[in-house]
Amino acid sequence: MSMDTVEKLLDIPIDHYITINMQSIEKLVDADGGVEINKSLNFCYE
């Protein structure tokens, strides 16, 4: 279903796709040197 939606949105055929979990994305980003985030607001949740 989502493949059909993306195909129609981008007007291109999609023959293959992969699934990846968020832990895998974190490992990929860390392996590539990570991402530096400069925050300007503090957040506290109790």
N, C-alpha and C. Protein backbone atom coordinates (compact mmCIF):
# COMPACT_ATOMS: atom_id res chain seq x y z
N MET A 1 0.83 -1.19 0.00
CA MET A 1 0.00 0.00 0.00
C MET A 1 0.87 1.26 0.00
N SER A 2 1.86 1.35 0.89
CA SER A 2 2.69 2.54 0.92
C SER A 2 3.56 2.65 -0.33
N MET A 3 3.95 1.50 -0.90
CA MET A 3 4.73 1.54 -2.14
C MET A 3 3.89 2.19 -3.25
N ASP A 4 2.64 1.81 -3.35
CA ASP A 4 1.76 2.40 -4.36
C ASP A 4 1.63 3.90 -4.17
N THR A 5 1.50 4.33 -2.93
CA THR A 5 1.37 5.76 -2.63
C THR A 5 2.61 6.53 -3.05
N VAL A 6 3.79 6.01 -2.73
CA VAL A 6 5.04 6.68 -3.08
C VAL A 6 5.24 6.67 -4.59
N GLU A 7 4.91 5.56 -5.24
CA GLU A 7 5.01 5.50 -6.70
C GLU A 7 4.16 6.58 -7.35
N LYS A 8 2.94 6.73 -6.88
CA LYS A 8 2.05 7.74 -7.45
C LYS A 8 2.53 9.16 -7.14
N LEU A 9 3.03 9.37 -5.91
CA LEU A 9 3.50 10.68 -5.51
C LEU A 9 4.70 11.12 -6.34
N LEU A 10 5.67 10.23 -6.51
CA LEU A 10 6.90 10.58 -7.22
C LEU A 10 6.86 10.26 -8.71
N ASP A 11 5.81 9.57 -9.13
CA ASP A 11 5.64 9.17 -10.53
C ASP A 11 6.83 8.36 -11.04
N ILE A 12 7.29 7.43 -10.18
CA ILE A 12 8.37 6.51 -10.56
C ILE A 12 8.01 5.11 -10.08
N PRO A 13 8.47 4.09 -10.78
CA PRO A 13 8.22 2.72 -10.30
C PRO A 13 9.17 2.36 -9.16
N ILE A 14 8.68 1.62 -8.20
CA ILE A 14 9.50 1.13 -7.10
C ILE A 14 9.45 -0.40 -7.15
N ASP A 15 10.59 -0.99 -7.45
CA ASP A 15 10.66 -2.44 -7.59
C ASP A 15 11.06 -3.14 -6.30
N HIS A 16 11.90 -2.49 -5.49
CA HIS A 16 12.40 -3.10 -4.26
C HIS A 16 12.42 -2.06 -3.15
N TYR A 17 12.38 -2.54 -1.91
CA TYR A 17 12.51 -1.65 -0.77
C TYR A 17 13.10 -2.44 0.38
N ILE A 18 13.62 -1.75 1.38
CA ILE A 18 14.13 -2.39 2.59
C ILE A 18 13.44 -1.78 3.80
N THR A 19 13.42 -2.52 4.88
CA THR A 19 12.94 -1.99 6.15
C THR A 19 14.13 -1.93 7.10
N ILE A 20 14.14 -0.94 7.95
CA ILE A 20 15.24 -0.75 8.89
C ILE A 20 14.66 -0.17 10.18
N ASN A 21 15.16 -0.64 11.32
CA ASN A 21 14.64 -0.12 12.58
C ASN A 21 15.47 1.08 13.03
N MET A 22 14.99 1.81 14.00
CA MET A 22 15.64 3.04 14.45
C MET A 22 17.02 2.78 15.06
N GLN A 23 17.22 1.64 15.72
CA GLN A 23 18.54 1.33 16.26
C GLN A 23 19.56 1.18 15.14
N SER A 24 19.15 0.63 14.02
CA SER A 24 20.06 0.49 12.88
C SER A 24 20.41 1.85 12.31
N ILE A 25 19.45 2.76 12.25
CA ILE A 25 19.73 4.11 11.76
C ILE A 25 20.71 4.80 12.69
N GLU A 26 20.53 4.63 14.00
CA GLU A 26 21.44 5.23 14.97
C GLU A 26 22.86 4.70 14.75
N LYS A 27 23.01 3.41 14.52
CA LYS A 27 24.33 2.83 14.29
C LYS A 27 24.95 3.35 12.99
N LEU A 28 24.13 3.51 11.95
CA LEU A 28 24.64 4.05 10.69
C LEU A 28 25.13 5.48 10.86
N VAL A 29 24.36 6.30 11.55
CA VAL A 29 24.74 7.70 11.77
C VAL A 29 26.01 7.77 12.62
N ASP A 30 26.08 6.97 13.68
CA ASP A 30 27.26 6.96 14.54
C ASP A 30 28.50 6.49 13.77
N ALA A 31 28.35 5.50 12.90
CA ALA A 31 29.47 5.00 12.11
C ALA A 31 30.00 6.06 11.15
N ASP A 32 29.13 6.98 10.76
CA ASP A 32 29.52 8.03 9.82
C ASP A 32 29.99 9.30 10.54
N GLY A 33 30.16 9.22 11.86
CA GLY A 33 30.66 10.37 12.59
C GLY A 33 29.62 11.07 13.44
N GLY A 34 28.39 10.64 13.38
CA GLY A 34 27.34 11.21 14.21
C GLY A 34 26.80 12.53 13.69
N VAL A 35 25.91 13.12 14.45
CA VAL A 35 25.28 14.39 14.12
C VAL A 35 25.40 15.30 15.32
N GLU A 36 25.93 16.50 15.12
CA GLU A 36 26.06 17.46 16.21
C GLU A 36 24.79 18.31 16.27
N ILE A 37 24.23 18.41 17.47
CA ILE A 37 23.00 19.19 17.66
C ILE A 37 23.28 20.29 18.67
N ASN A 38 23.04 21.52 18.28
CA ASN A 38 23.17 22.66 19.18
C ASN A 38 21.79 23.11 19.58
N LYS A 39 21.42 22.85 20.82
CA LYS A 39 20.08 23.21 21.28
C LYS A 39 20.09 24.58 21.93
N SER A 40 19.03 25.32 21.72
CA SER A 40 18.93 26.66 22.30
C SER A 40 17.89 26.69 23.43
N LEU A 41 17.11 25.63 23.58
CA LEU A 41 16.09 25.57 24.63
C LEU A 41 16.36 24.39 25.53
N ASN A 42 16.05 24.52 26.81
CA ASN A 42 16.15 23.42 27.75
C ASN A 42 14.78 22.76 27.89
N PHE A 43 14.78 21.45 28.10
CA PHE A 43 13.54 20.72 28.24
C PHE A 43 13.68 19.81 29.45
N CYS A 44 12.69 19.80 30.31
CA CYS A 44 12.70 18.95 31.49
C CYS A 44 11.34 18.28 31.60
N TYR A 45 11.35 16.96 31.79
CA TYR A 45 10.12 16.21 31.93
C TYR A 45 10.19 15.40 33.22
N GLU A 46 9.21 15.56 34.07
CA GLU A 46 9.19 14.82 35.34
C GLU A 46 8.03 13.85 35.38
